[in-house]
Amino acid sequence: MRHRYLVIVGTLALVLVLFVCGSAAGQTPAAAADTKGAPTVSRTPWGDPDLQGIWNFGTITPLERPAEFAGRDRLTPDEVARLNAQSETRAVDRPESPERDVALAYNQFWWDRGIALDRTSLIVDPPDGRLPPYTPEGLKRRESQRNRGYDSWTSRGLSERCMVYRPVPVRSSGYNNNNMIVQSPGYVAMYQEQIHEVRIIPLDQRPHLGSSIRPWLGDSRGRWEGNTLVVETTNFHPDTNYQGSGANRKVTEKFTRVDADTMLYEFTVNDPTTWTRPWTGQVPWRRDAGPIYEYACHEGNYGMTNLLNGARIQEQEESQAAGQRDSR
């Protein structure tokens, strides 16, 4: 079984390399329009809808609808322009307090957040654009994830430990908002450089892995519904975190080519132990010329060392201060 898995991984890795090198032999042309004006879908040589390429999902549109846009699902063109302008000047170099400098992390040159959509939130259901109410168990879990503490590196989040940056479903951040899709008969591979993750999605209707096997990104199974790739992912690792959910969530993603340069990405998250109902989000992915550059997260991760050293110093100072108060 392990040998078979390694063969599959190796084969898809080779496909990735060939794709990056520009091999496109046998591929059909990009999506066009038929004689009646209806969009057509380009296909692979074996007949599946062709989703291959590098796609950018960067956007500054938030997951949940901000209070200032309550009751509105759409923005005006002027509001979109204003939000984009604010994003472009958010970290422009200028005299600031040390606290603001640390909070911004980088100057403007290094950010690549994407642009605002004309919607007020990525969530399209519930209609208010907000996450559903949390269950008591979900609230407790979310609070524990927010207050991990600094006892050791295992107390910190997976992104700080350079293990998983983008859990499923995929969300935008300040940079590296790219996903390369490669297809072969019976499989779809999705490569995400932040942090060097490849999801290999079989399309042969095989069952999910046993409940005791829980990868960081879960266990994905795909199928075609017309021209849409539907991917269902379960078996998440208990230490994964997505808005307070973990091992119990089920994610259903839909990938649909809209035109040659756009793919609609839809995702539904269902975790009855975290929320009182499922919820759905949506964001367009835009074709990207690439290339995808390395995200070197863990090259001598002195950040974690400094973080834990700082926590030990703080504990020592607090202990000394408490001892001085007790001696008075």
C-alpha atoms as a PDB file:
ATOM      1  CA  MET A   1       0.000   0.000   0.000  1.00  0.00           C
ATOM      2  CA  ARG A   2       2.803   2.384   0.946  1.00  0.00           C
ATOM      3  CA  HIS A   3       4.666   1.504  -2.267  1.00  0.00           C
ATOM      4  CA  ARG A   4       1.553   2.258  -4.319  1.00  0.00           C
ATOM      5  CA  TYR A   5       1.113   5.616  -2.577  1.00  0.00           C
ATOM      6  CA  LEU A   6       4.742   6.572  -3.205  1.00  0.00           C
ATOM      7  CA  VAL A   7       4.380   5.683  -6.872  1.00  0.00           C
ATOM      8  CA  ILE A   8       1.321   7.918  -7.155  1.00  0.00           C
ATOM      9  CA  VAL A   9       3.065  10.784  -5.355  1.00  0.00           C
ATOM     10  CA  GLY A  10       6.159  10.417  -7.506  1.00  0.00           C
ATOM     11  CA  THR A  11       4.142  10.352 -10.702  1.00  0.00           C
ATOM     12  CA  LEU A  12       2.202  13.470  -9.792  1.00  0.00           C
ATOM     13  CA  ALA A  13       5.387  15.216  -8.682  1.00  0.00           C
ATOM     14  CA  LEU A  14       6.830  14.525 -12.135  1.00  0.00           C
ATOM     15  CA  VAL A  15       3.683  15.951 -13.696  1.00  0.00           C
ATOM     16  CA  LEU A  16       4.134  19.085 -11.581  1.00  0.00           C
ATOM     17  CA  VAL A  17       7.712  19.487 -12.775  1.00  0.00           C
ATOM     18  CA  LEU A  18       6.698  19.057 -16.400  1.00  0.00           C
ATOM     19  CA  PHE A  19       3.946  21.592 -15.977  1.00  0.00           C
ATOM     20  CA  VAL A  20       6.259  24.175 -14.446  1.00  0.00           C
ATOM     21  CA  CYS A  21       8.679  23.661 -17.309  1.00  0.00           C
ATOM     22  CA  GLY A  22       5.930  24.569 -19.721  1.00  0.00           C
ATOM     23  CA  SER A  23       4.996  21.201 -21.137  1.00  0.00           C
ATOM     24  CA  ALA A  24       1.484  21.509 -22.512  1.00  0.00           C
ATOM     25  CA  ALA A  25       1.517  18.942 -25.276  1.00  0.00           C
ATOM     26  CA  GLY A  26      -1.874  17.553 -26.109  1.00  0.00           C
ATOM     27  CA  GLN A  27      -3.834  20.163 -24.131  1.00  0.00           C
ATOM     28  CA  THR A  28      -6.944  21.647 -25.620  1.00  0.00           C
ATOM     29  CA  PRO A  29      -7.264  25.421 -26.142  1.00  0.00           C
ATOM     30  CA  ALA A  30      -8.520  27.669 -23.364  1.00  0.00           C
ATOM     31  CA  ALA A  31     -12.235  28.056 -22.808  1.00  0.00           C
ATOM     32  CA  ALA A  32     -13.965  29.919 -25.603  1.00  0.00           C
ATOM     33  CA  ALA A  33     -17.551  30.370 -26.799  1.00  0.00           C
ATOM     34  CA  ASP A  34     -19.532  28.171 -29.113  1.00  0.00           C
ATOM     35  CA  THR A  35     -21.400  29.365 -32.182  1.00  0.00           C
ATOM     36  CA  LYS A  36     -24.425  30.295 -30.046  1.00  0.00           C
ATOM     37  CA  GLY A  37     -22.364  32.399 -27.663  1.00  0.00           C
ATOM     38  CA  ALA A  38     -22.575  29.986 -24.741  1.00  0.00           C
ATOM     39  CA  PRO A  39     -19.283  29.354 -22.907  1.00  0.00           C
ATOM     40  CA  THR A  40     -17.529  26.116 -23.714  1.00  0.00           C
ATOM     41  CA  VAL A  41     -15.154  24.274 -21.435  1.00  0.00           C
ATOM     42  CA  SER A  42     -11.686  23.206 -22.485  1.00  0.00           C
ATOM     43  CA  ARG A  43     -10.936  19.573 -21.761  1.00  0.00           C
ATOM     44  CA  THR A  44      -7.977  17.359 -21.058  1.00  0.00           C
ATOM     45  CA  PRO A  45      -6.986  14.727 -23.664  1.00  0.00           C
ATOM     46  CA  TRP A  46      -8.905  12.124 -21.605  1.00  0.00           C
ATOM     47  CA  GLY A  47     -12.084  14.243 -21.572  1.00  0.00           C
ATOM     48  CA  ASP A  48     -12.256  15.845 -18.107  1.00  0.00           C
ATOM     49  CA  PRO A  49     -12.865  19.603 -17.773  1.00  0.00           C
ATOM     50  CA  ASP A  50      -9.448  21.273 -17.764  1.00  0.00           C
ATOM     51  CA  LEU A  51      -8.765  23.160 -14.520  1.00  0.00           C
ATOM     52  CA  GLN A  52      -4.997  23.160 -14.903  1.00  0.00           C
ATOM     53  CA  GLY A  53      -2.862  26.208 -14.338  1.00  0.00           C
ATOM     54  CA  ILE A  54      -1.737  28.587 -11.622  1.00  0.00           C
ATOM     55  CA  TRP A  55      -4.631  30.368  -9.931  1.00  0.00           C
ATOM     56  CA  ASN A  56      -4.595  33.409  -7.633  1.00  0.00           C
ATOM     57  CA  PHE A  57      -7.248  33.581  -4.908  1.00  0.00           C
ATOM     58  CA  GLY A  58      -6.015  36.761  -3.199  1.00  0.00           C
ATOM     59  CA  THR A  59      -8.703  39.152  -1.992  1.00  0.00           C
ATOM     60  CA  ILE A  60      -9.115  41.685   0.792  1.00  0.00           C
ATOM     61  CA  THR A  61     -12.835  40.934   1.014  1.00  0.00           C
ATOM     62  CA  PRO A  62     -13.315  39.523   4.530  1.00  0.00           C
ATOM     63  CA  LEU A  63     -14.812  36.147   5.329  1.00  0.00           C
ATOM     64  CA  GLU A  64     -17.555  37.747   7.438  1.00  0.00           C
ATOM     65  CA  ARG A  65     -19.531  40.889   6.625  1.00  0.00           C
ATOM     66  CA  PRO A  66     -18.314  43.917   8.609  1.00  0.00           C
ATOM     67  CA  ALA A  67     -20.833  45.730  10.797  1.00  0.00           C
ATOM     68  CA  GLU A  68     -20.629  48.838   8.613  1.00  0.00           C
ATOM     69  CA  PHE A  69     -22.160  46.862   5.731  1.00  0.00           C
ATOM     70  CA  ALA A  70     -24.844  45.080   7.760  1.00  0.00           C
ATOM     71  CA  GLY A  71     -27.857  44.252   5.611  1.00  0.00           C
ATOM     72  CA  ARG A  72     -25.922  44.699   2.351  1.00  0.00           C
ATOM     73  CA  ASP A  73     -24.391  41.941   0.260  1.00  0.00           C
ATOM     74  CA  ARG A  74     -22.956  44.203  -2.466  1.00  0.00           C
ATOM     75  CA  LEU A  75     -20.610  47.193  -2.665  1.00  0.00           C
ATOM     76  CA  THR A  76     -20.764  50.141  -5.006  1.00  0.00           C
ATOM     77  CA  PRO A  77     -17.850  50.690  -7.437  1.00  0.00           C
ATOM     78  CA  ASP A  78     -16.759  53.695  -5.345  1.00  0.00           C
ATOM     79  CA  GLU A  79     -16.680  51.582  -2.190  1.00  0.00           C
ATOM     80  CA  VAL A  80     -14.605  48.903  -3.929  1.00  0.00           C
ATOM     81  CA  ALA A  81     -12.149  51.569  -5.130  1.00  0.00           C
ATOM     82  CA  ARG A  82     -11.900  53.040  -1.623  1.00  0.00           C
ATOM     83  CA  LEU A  83     -11.157  49.661  -0.030  1.00  0.00           C
ATOM     84  CA  ASN A  84      -8.471  48.904  -2.622  1.00  0.00           C
ATOM     85  CA  ALA A  85      -6.877  52.318  -2.058  1.00  0.00           C
ATOM     86  CA  GLN A  86      -6.815  51.749   1.699  1.00  0.00           C
ATOM     87  CA  SER A  87      -5.160  48.371   1.195  1.00  0.00           C
ATOM     88  CA  GLU A  88      -2.510  49.851  -1.096  1.00  0.00           C
ATOM     89  CA  THR A  89      -1.523  52.488   1.476  1.00  0.00           C
ATOM     90  CA  ARG A  90      -1.939  50.423   4.631  1.00  0.00           C
ATOM     91  CA  ALA A  91       1.772  49.812   5.166  1.00  0.00           C
ATOM     92  CA  VAL A  92       3.291  52.697   3.216  1.00  0.00           C
ATOM     93  CA  ASP A  93       6.565  53.800   4.828  1.00  0.00           C
ATOM     94  CA  ARG A  94       6.032  56.785   7.109  1.00  0.00           C
ATOM     95  CA  PRO A  95       6.909  57.742  10.678  1.00  0.00           C
ATOM     96  CA  GLU A  96       4.909  55.499  12.977  1.00  0.00           C
ATOM     97  CA  SER A  97       5.001  54.256  16.531  1.00  0.00           C
ATOM     98  CA  PRO A  98       7.055  51.116  17.249  1.00  0.00           C
ATOM     99  CA  GLU A  99       3.810  49.287  18.064  1.00  0.00           C
ATOM    100  CA  ARG A 100       2.322  50.063  14.639  1.00  0.00           C
ATOM    101  CA  ASP A 101       5.587  49.131  12.931  1.00  0.00           C
ATOM    102  CA  VAL A 102       5.524  45.698  14.568  1.00  0.00           C
ATOM    103  CA  ALA A 103       1.822  45.219  13.815  1.00  0.00           C
ATOM    104  CA  LEU A 104       2.326  45.927  10.102  1.00  0.00           C
ATOM    105  CA  ALA A 105       5.202  43.395   9.960  1.00  0.00           C
ATOM    106  CA  TYR A 106       6.445  44.547   6.513  1.00  0.00           C
ATOM    107  CA  ASN A 107       6.405  47.670   4.418  1.00  0.00           C
ATOM    108  CA  GLN A 108       4.002  47.914   1.494  1.00  0.00           C
ATOM    109  CA  PHE A 109       6.382  46.430  -1.085  1.00  0.00           C
ATOM    110  CA  TRP A 110       6.132  42.932   0.373  1.00  0.00           C
ATOM    111  CA  TRP A 111       2.352  42.664   0.600  1.00  0.00           C
ATOM    112  CA  ASP A 112       0.230  41.045  -2.097  1.00  0.00           C
ATOM    113  CA  ARG A 113      -3.211  40.907  -0.521  1.00  0.00           C
ATOM    114  CA  GLY A 114      -5.311  40.927  -3.670  1.00  0.00           C
ATOM    115  CA  ILE A 115      -8.276  43.149  -4.473  1.00  0.00           C
ATOM    116  CA  ALA A 116     -11.745  43.711  -3.086  1.00  0.00           C
ATOM    117  CA  LEU A 117     -14.703  41.909  -4.599  1.00  0.00           C
ATOM    118  CA  ASP A 118     -17.994  43.710  -5.106  1.00  0.00           C
ATOM    119  CA  ARG A 119     -19.442  41.650  -2.247  1.00  0.00           C
ATOM    120  CA  THR A 120     -19.285  42.599   1.416  1.00  0.00           C
ATOM    121  CA  SER A 121     -18.210  39.115   2.545  1.00  0.00           C
ATOM    122  CA  LEU A 122     -16.989  35.798   1.218  1.00  0.00           C
ATOM    123  CA  ILE A 123     -19.795  34.078   3.125  1.00  0.00           C
ATOM    124  CA  VAL A 124     -22.908  33.877   0.971  1.00  0.00           C
ATOM    125  CA  ASP A 125     -24.929  31.639   3.291  1.00  0.00           C
ATOM    126  CA  PRO A 126     -26.186  32.474   5.913  1.00  0.00           C
ATOM    127  CA  PRO A 127     -27.592  35.520   4.088  1.00  0.00           C
ATOM    128  CA  ASP A 128     -26.290  37.935   6.743  1.00  0.00           C
ATOM    129  CA  GLY A 129     -22.743  37.108   5.632  1.00  0.00           C
ATOM    130  CA  ARG A 130     -21.732  36.007   9.124  1.00  0.00           C
ATOM    131  CA  LEU A 131     -20.699  32.678  10.612  1.00  0.00           C
ATOM    132  CA  PRO A 132     -23.589  30.786  12.204  1.00  0.00           C
ATOM    133  CA  PRO A 133     -23.857  30.787  16.013  1.00  0.00           C
ATOM    134  CA  TYR A 134     -21.267  28.650  17.760  1.00  0.00           C
ATOM    135  CA  THR A 135     -22.247  25.687  19.870  1.00  0.00           C
ATOM    136  CA  PRO A 136     -21.073  25.714  23.516  1.00  0.00           C
ATOM    137  CA  GLU A 137     -18.437  23.134  22.576  1.00  0.00           C
ATOM    138  CA  GLY A 138     -17.367  25.248  19.598  1.00  0.00           C
ATOM    139  CA  LEU A 139     -17.018  28.391  21.721  1.00  0.00           C
ATOM    140  CA  LYS A 140     -14.880  26.521  24.234  1.00  0.00           C
ATOM    141  CA  ARG A 141     -12.645  25.105  21.495  1.00  0.00           C
ATOM    142  CA  ARG A 142     -12.274  28.471  19.757  1.00  0.00           C
ATOM    143  CA  GLU A 143     -11.294  30.155  23.021  1.00  0.00           C
ATOM    144  CA  SER A 144      -8.681  27.481  23.767  1.00  0.00           C
ATOM    145  CA  GLN A 145      -7.221  27.907  20.274  1.00  0.00           C
ATOM    146  CA  ARG A 146      -6.998  31.659  20.760  1.00  0.00           C
ATOM    147  CA  ASN A 147      -5.200  31.271  24.095  1.00  0.00           C
ATOM    148  CA  ARG A 148      -2.645  28.601  23.370  1.00  0.00           C
ATOM    149  CA  GLY A 149      -0.036  29.891  25.771  1.00  0.00           C
ATOM    150  CA  TYR A 150       3.738  29.616  25.414  1.00  0.00           C
ATOM    151  CA  ASP A 151       4.606  26.458  27.334  1.00  0.00           C
ATOM    152  CA  SER A 152       6.452  24.953  24.345  1.00  0.00           C
ATOM    153  CA  TRP A 153       6.485  24.952  20.557  1.00  0.00           C
ATOM    154  CA  THR A 154       3.670  22.394  20.626  1.00  0.00           C
ATOM    155  CA  SER A 155       1.449  25.020  22.275  1.00  0.00           C
ATOM    156  CA  ARG A 156       1.690  27.317  19.265  1.00  0.00           C
ATOM    157  CA  GLY A 157      -0.346  27.230  16.059  1.00  0.00           C
ATOM    158  CA  LEU A 158       0.617  25.140  13.045  1.00  0.00           C
ATOM    159  CA  SER A 159       1.508  28.172  10.899  1.00  0.00           C
ATOM    160  CA  GLU A 160       3.970  29.441  13.547  1.00  0.00           C
ATOM    161  CA  ARG A 161       5.569  26.000  13.508  1.00  0.00           C
ATOM    162  CA  CYS A 162       5.798  26.105   9.678  1.00  0.00           C
ATOM    163  CA  MET A 163       3.646  23.006   9.310  1.00  0.00           C
ATOM    164  CA  VAL A 164       0.319  24.128   7.799  1.00  0.00           C
ATOM    165  CA  TYR A 165      -0.487  27.672   6.760  1.00  0.00           C
ATOM    166  CA  ARG A 166      -3.706  27.237   4.783  1.00  0.00           C
ATOM    167  CA  PRO A 167      -6.094  24.594   6.103  1.00  0.00           C
ATOM    168  CA  VAL A 168      -9.039  23.457   4.002  1.00  0.00           C
ATOM    169  CA  PRO A 169     -11.015  25.359   2.731  1.00  0.00           C
ATOM    170  CA  VAL A 170      -8.500  27.685   1.106  1.00  0.00           C
ATOM    171  CA  ARG A 171      -8.427  31.283   2.331  1.00  0.00           C
ATOM    172  CA  SER A 172      -6.571  34.402   1.216  1.00  0.00           C
ATOM    173  CA  SER A 173      -3.838  36.085   3.263  1.00  0.00           C
ATOM    174  CA  GLY A 174      -1.263  38.818   2.745  1.00  0.00           C
ATOM    175  CA  TYR A 175       0.776  36.998   0.090  1.00  0.00           C
ATOM    176  CA  ASN A 176       1.381  33.627  -1.613  1.00  0.00           C
ATOM    177  CA  ASN A 177      -2.272  33.428  -2.620  1.00  0.00           C
ATOM    178  CA  ASN A 178      -1.667  30.888  -5.356  1.00  0.00           C
ATOM    179  CA  ASN A 179      -2.623  27.324  -6.131  1.00  0.00           C
ATOM    180  CA  MET A 180      -1.333  25.240  -9.032  1.00  0.00           C
ATOM    181  CA  ILE A 181      -3.656  22.540 -10.327  1.00  0.00           C
ATOM    182  CA  VAL A 182      -2.382  19.574 -12.325  1.00  0.00           C
ATOM    183  CA  GLN A 183      -4.564  16.730 -13.616  1.00  0.00           C
ATOM    184  CA  SER A 184      -3.944  13.161 -14.723  1.00  0.00           C
ATOM    185  CA  PRO A 185      -6.486  10.424 -15.509  1.00  0.00           C
ATOM    186  CA  GLY A 186      -8.253   9.660 -12.232  1.00  0.00           C
ATOM    187  CA  TYR A 187      -6.462  12.290 -10.123  1.00  0.00           C
ATOM    188  CA  VAL A 188      -6.262  16.016  -9.466  1.00  0.00           C
ATOM    189  CA  ALA A 189      -3.240  17.482  -7.657  1.00  0.00           C
ATOM    190  CA  MET A 190      -3.330  20.918  -6.017  1.00  0.00           C
ATOM    191  CA  TYR A 191       0.006  22.437  -5.095  1.00  0.00           C
ATOM    192  CA  GLN A 192       0.221  25.249  -2.582  1.00  0.00           C
ATOM    193  CA  GLU A 193       3.652  26.652  -1.860  1.00  0.00           C
ATOM    194  CA  GLN A 194       2.704  28.098   1.519  1.00  0.00           C
ATOM    195  CA  ILE A 195       3.796  25.791   3.160  1.00  0.00           C
ATOM    196  CA  HIS A 196       4.882  23.297   0.429  1.00  0.00           C
ATOM    197  CA  GLU A 197       1.646  21.305   0.421  1.00  0.00           C
ATOM    198  CA  VAL A 198       0.209  19.063  -2.285  1.00  0.00           C
ATOM    199  CA  ARG A 199      -3.307  17.678  -2.056  1.00  0.00           C
ATOM    200  CA  ILE A 200      -3.668  14.537  -4.177  1.00  0.00           C
ATOM    201  CA  ILE A 201      -7.353  13.999  -4.876  1.00  0.00           C
ATOM    202  CA  PRO A 202      -8.489  10.651  -6.338  1.00  0.00           C
ATOM    203  CA  LEU A 203     -11.583  10.636  -8.558  1.00  0.00           C
ATOM    204  CA  ASP A 204     -12.321   6.896  -8.578  1.00  0.00           C
ATOM    205  CA  GLN A 205     -15.032   6.866  -5.870  1.00  0.00           C
ATOM    206  CA  ARG A 206     -12.821   5.073  -3.358  1.00  0.00           C
ATOM    207  CA  PRO A 207     -13.977   5.425   0.280  1.00  0.00           C
ATOM    208  CA  HIS A 208     -12.347   7.829   2.702  1.00  0.00           C
ATOM    209  CA  LEU A 209      -9.516   6.642   4.905  1.00  0.00           C
ATOM    210  CA  GLY A 210     -10.309   5.048   8.238  1.00  0.00           C
ATOM    211  CA  SER A 211     -11.167   7.425  11.054  1.00  0.00           C
ATOM    212  CA  SER A 212      -7.825   6.768  12.765  1.00  0.00           C
ATOM    213  CA  ILE A 213      -5.868   8.270   9.833  1.00  0.00           C
ATOM    214  CA  ARG A 214      -6.069  12.069   9.991  1.00  0.00           C
ATOM    215  CA  PRO A 215      -3.719  14.125   7.768  1.00  0.00           C
ATOM    216  CA  TRP A 216      -3.173  17.830   8.441  1.00  0.00           C
ATOM    217  CA  LEU A 217      -5.196  18.784   5.363  1.00  0.00           C
ATOM    218  CA  GLY A 218      -7.724  16.004   5.785  1.00  0.00           C
ATOM    219  CA  ASP A 219      -8.578  13.221   3.355  1.00  0.00           C
ATOM    220  CA  SER A 220     -10.015  14.458   0.031  1.00  0.00           C
ATOM    221  CA  ARG A 221     -12.147  12.609  -2.527  1.00  0.00           C
ATOM    222  CA  GLY A 222     -13.304  14.169  -5.777  1.00  0.00           C
ATOM    223  CA  ARG A 223     -15.922  13.650  -8.456  1.00  0.00           C
ATOM    224  CA  TRP A 224     -17.232  15.491 -11.495  1.00  0.00           C
ATOM    225  CA  GLU A 225     -20.716  16.967 -11.520  1.00  0.00           C
ATOM    226  CA  GLY A 226     -21.028  18.228 -15.062  1.00  0.00           C
ATOM    227  CA  ASN A 227     -18.157  20.674 -15.556  1.00  0.00           C
ATOM    228  CA  THR A 228     -17.665  21.205 -11.812  1.00  0.00           C
ATOM    229  CA  LEU A 229     -15.080  19.373  -9.714  1.00  0.00           C
ATOM    230  CA  VAL A 230     -16.617  18.558  -6.335  1.00  0.00           C
ATOM    231  CA  VAL A 231     -14.164  17.670  -3.556  1.00  0.00           C
ATOM    232  CA  GLU A 232     -15.257  16.368  -0.159  1.00  0.00           C
ATOM    233  CA  THR A 233     -12.691  16.413   2.643  1.00  0.00           C
ATOM    234  CA  THR A 234     -12.956  14.736   6.048  1.00  0.00           C
ATOM    235  CA  ASN A 235     -10.571  13.120   8.586  1.00  0.00           C
ATOM    236  CA  PHE A 236      -8.878  16.351   9.664  1.00  0.00           C
ATOM    237  CA  HIS A 237      -6.188  16.154  12.314  1.00  0.00           C
ATOM    238  CA  PRO A 238      -7.437  17.178  15.788  1.00  0.00           C
ATOM    239  CA  ASP A 239      -4.805  19.943  16.009  1.00  0.00           C
ATOM    240  CA  THR A 240      -5.966  21.684  12.847  1.00  0.00           C
ATOM    241  CA  ASN A 241      -7.925  24.878  13.348  1.00  0.00           C
ATOM    242  CA  TYR A 242     -10.411  26.566  11.083  1.00  0.00           C
ATOM    243  CA  GLN A 243     -12.417  29.316  12.770  1.00  0.00           C
ATOM    244  CA  GLY A 244     -12.629  27.149  15.858  1.00  0.00           C
ATOM    245  CA  SER A 245     -13.401  23.833  14.157  1.00  0.00           C
ATOM    246  CA  GLY A 246     -11.045  20.867  13.998  1.00  0.00           C
ATOM    247  CA  ALA A 247     -11.270  17.135  13.507  1.00  0.00           C
ATOM    248  CA  ASN A 248     -15.055  17.003  13.070  1.00  0.00           C
ATOM    249  CA  ARG A 249     -15.500  19.270  10.103  1.00  0.00           C
ATOM    250  CA  LYS A 250     -16.482  18.200   6.623  1.00  0.00           C
ATOM    251  CA  VAL A 251     -15.644  20.539   3.753  1.00  0.00           C
ATOM    252  CA  THR A 252     -17.246  20.398   0.317  1.00  0.00           C
ATOM    253  CA  GLU A 253     -15.443  22.432  -2.347  1.00  0.00           C
ATOM    254  CA  LYS A 254     -16.588  23.180  -5.890  1.00  0.00           C
ATOM    255  CA  PHE A 255     -14.249  24.274  -8.691  1.00  0.00           C
ATOM    256  CA  THR A 256     -15.908  25.598 -11.865  1.00  0.00           C
ATOM    257  CA  ARG A 257     -14.214  27.260 -14.831  1.00  0.00           C
ATOM    258  CA  VAL A 258     -16.165  30.417 -15.653  1.00  0.00           C
ATOM    259  CA  ASP A 259     -13.971  31.465 -18.555  1.00  0.00           C
ATOM    260  CA  ALA A 260     -10.370  31.098 -19.728  1.00  0.00           C
ATOM    261  CA  ASP A 261      -9.012  33.224 -16.886  1.00  0.00           C
ATOM    262  CA  THR A 262     -11.513  32.740 -14.057  1.00  0.00           C
ATOM    263  CA  MET A 263     -12.527  29.840 -11.845  1.00  0.00           C
ATOM    264  CA  LEU A 264     -15.311  30.031  -9.258  1.00  0.00           C
ATOM    265  CA  TYR A 265     -14.339  28.484  -5.936  1.00  0.00           C
ATOM    266  CA  GLU A 266     -17.196  27.614  -3.589  1.00  0.00           C
ATOM    267  CA  PHE A 267     -16.896  25.900  -0.225  1.00  0.00           C
ATOM    268  CA  THR A 268     -19.317  24.640   2.396  1.00  0.00           C
ATOM    269  CA  VAL A 269     -18.141  23.889   5.925  1.00  0.00           C
ATOM    270  CA  ASN A 270     -20.158  21.579   8.149  1.00  0.00           C
ATOM    271  CA  ASP A 271     -19.198  20.829  11.749  1.00  0.00           C
ATOM    272  CA  PRO A 272     -22.182  20.273  14.063  1.00  0.00           C
ATOM    273  CA  THR A 273     -19.850  20.287  17.081  1.00  0.00           C
ATOM    274  CA  THR A 274     -18.738  23.842  16.249  1.00  0.00           C
ATOM    275  CA  TRP A 275     -21.647  25.641  14.530  1.00  0.00           C
ATOM    276  CA  THR A 276     -25.415  25.307  14.681  1.00  0.00           C
ATOM    277  CA  ARG A 277     -25.638  24.918  10.869  1.00  0.00           C
ATOM    278  CA  PRO A 278     -23.377  24.596   7.793  1.00  0.00           C
ATOM    279  CA  TRP A 279     -22.136  27.734   6.070  1.00  0.00           C
ATOM    280  CA  THR A 280     -20.952  28.528   2.533  1.00  0.00           C
ATOM    281  CA  GLY A 281     -18.405  30.910   1.035  1.00  0.00           C
ATOM    282  CA  GLN A 282     -17.452  31.865  -2.487  1.00  0.00           C
ATOM    283  CA  VAL A 283     -14.521  33.600  -4.192  1.00  0.00           C
ATOM    284  CA  PRO A 284     -13.326  33.804  -7.815  1.00  0.00           C
ATOM    285  CA  TRP A 285      -9.841  32.547  -8.604  1.00  0.00           C
ATOM    286  CA  ARG A 286      -7.911  34.413 -11.324  1.00  0.00           C
ATOM    287  CA  ARG A 287      -5.402  32.846 -13.684  1.00  0.00           C
ATOM    288  CA  ASP A 288      -1.823  33.747 -12.775  1.00  0.00           C
ATOM    289  CA  ALA A 289       1.147  33.686 -15.121  1.00  0.00           C
ATOM    290  CA  GLY A 290       3.455  32.582 -12.307  1.00  0.00           C
ATOM    291  CA  PRO A 291       5.989  31.368 -11.467  1.00  0.00           C
ATOM    292  CA  ILE A 292       5.378  30.306  -7.891  1.00  0.00           C
ATOM    293  CA  TYR A 293       8.306  31.269  -5.678  1.00  0.00           C
ATOM    294  CA  GLU A 294       9.539  29.328  -2.678  1.00  0.00           C
ATOM    295  CA  TYR A 295       8.071  30.168   0.702  1.00  0.00           C
ATOM    296  CA  ALA A 296      11.052  29.460   2.955  1.00  0.00           C
ATOM    297  CA  CYS A 297       9.242  29.335   6.277  1.00  0.00           C
ATOM    298  CA  HIS A 298      11.461  27.137   8.407  1.00  0.00           C
ATOM    299  CA  GLU A 299      15.036  28.136   7.539  1.00  0.00           C
ATOM    300  CA  GLY A 300      16.435  28.380  11.054  1.00  0.00           C
ATOM    301  CA  ASN A 301      13.155  29.259  12.739  1.00  0.00           C
ATOM    302  CA  TYR A 302      14.716  31.637  15.268  1.00  0.00           C
ATOM    303  CA  GLY A 303      11.310  33.305  15.633  1.00  0.00           C
ATOM    304  CA  MET A 304      10.015  30.344  17.647  1.00  0.00           C
ATOM    305  CA  THR A 305      13.190  30.243  19.750  1.00  0.00           C
ATOM    306  CA  ASN A 306      12.941  33.958  20.502  1.00  0.00           C
ATOM    307  CA  LEU A 307       9.227  33.661  21.275  1.00  0.00           C
ATOM    308  CA  LEU A 308       9.736  30.918  23.841  1.00  0.00           C
ATOM    309  CA  ASN A 309      12.835  32.595  25.330  1.00  0.00           C
ATOM    310  CA  GLY A 310      10.829  35.788  25.710  1.00  0.00           C
ATOM    311  CA  ALA A 311       8.055  33.879  27.475  1.00  0.00           C
ATOM    312  CA  ARG A 312      10.550  32.362  29.939  1.00  0.00           C
ATOM    313  CA  ILE A 313      12.046  35.815  30.653  1.00  0.00           C
ATOM    314  CA  GLN A 314       8.590  37.260  31.192  1.00  0.00           C
ATOM    315  CA  GLU A 315       7.701  34.427  33.580  1.00  0.00           C
ATOM    316  CA  GLN A 316      10.924  35.021  35.504  1.00  0.00           C
ATOM    317  CA  GLU A 317      10.256  38.748  35.793  1.00  0.00           C
ATOM    318  CA  GLU A 318       6.692  38.121  36.958  1.00  0.00           C
ATOM    319  CA  SER A 319       7.932  35.610  39.537  1.00  0.00           C
ATOM    320  CA  GLN A 320      10.512  38.041  40.856  1.00  0.00           C
ATOM    321  CA  ALA A 321       7.923  40.822  41.061  1.00  0.00           C
ATOM    322  CA  ALA A 322       5.539  38.531  42.948  1.00  0.00           C
ATOM    323  CA  GLY A 323       8.307  37.563  45.375  1.00  0.00           C
ATOM    324  CA  GLN A 324       9.094  41.215  46.066  1.00  0.00           C
ATOM    325  CA  ARG A 325       5.414  41.936  46.793  1.00  0.00           C
ATOM    326  CA  ASP A 326       5.205  38.984  49.182  1.00  0.00           C
ATOM    327  CA  SER A 327       8.306  40.107  51.079  1.00  0.00           C
ATOM    328  CA  ARG A 328       6.850  43.524  51.882  1.00  0.00           C
END
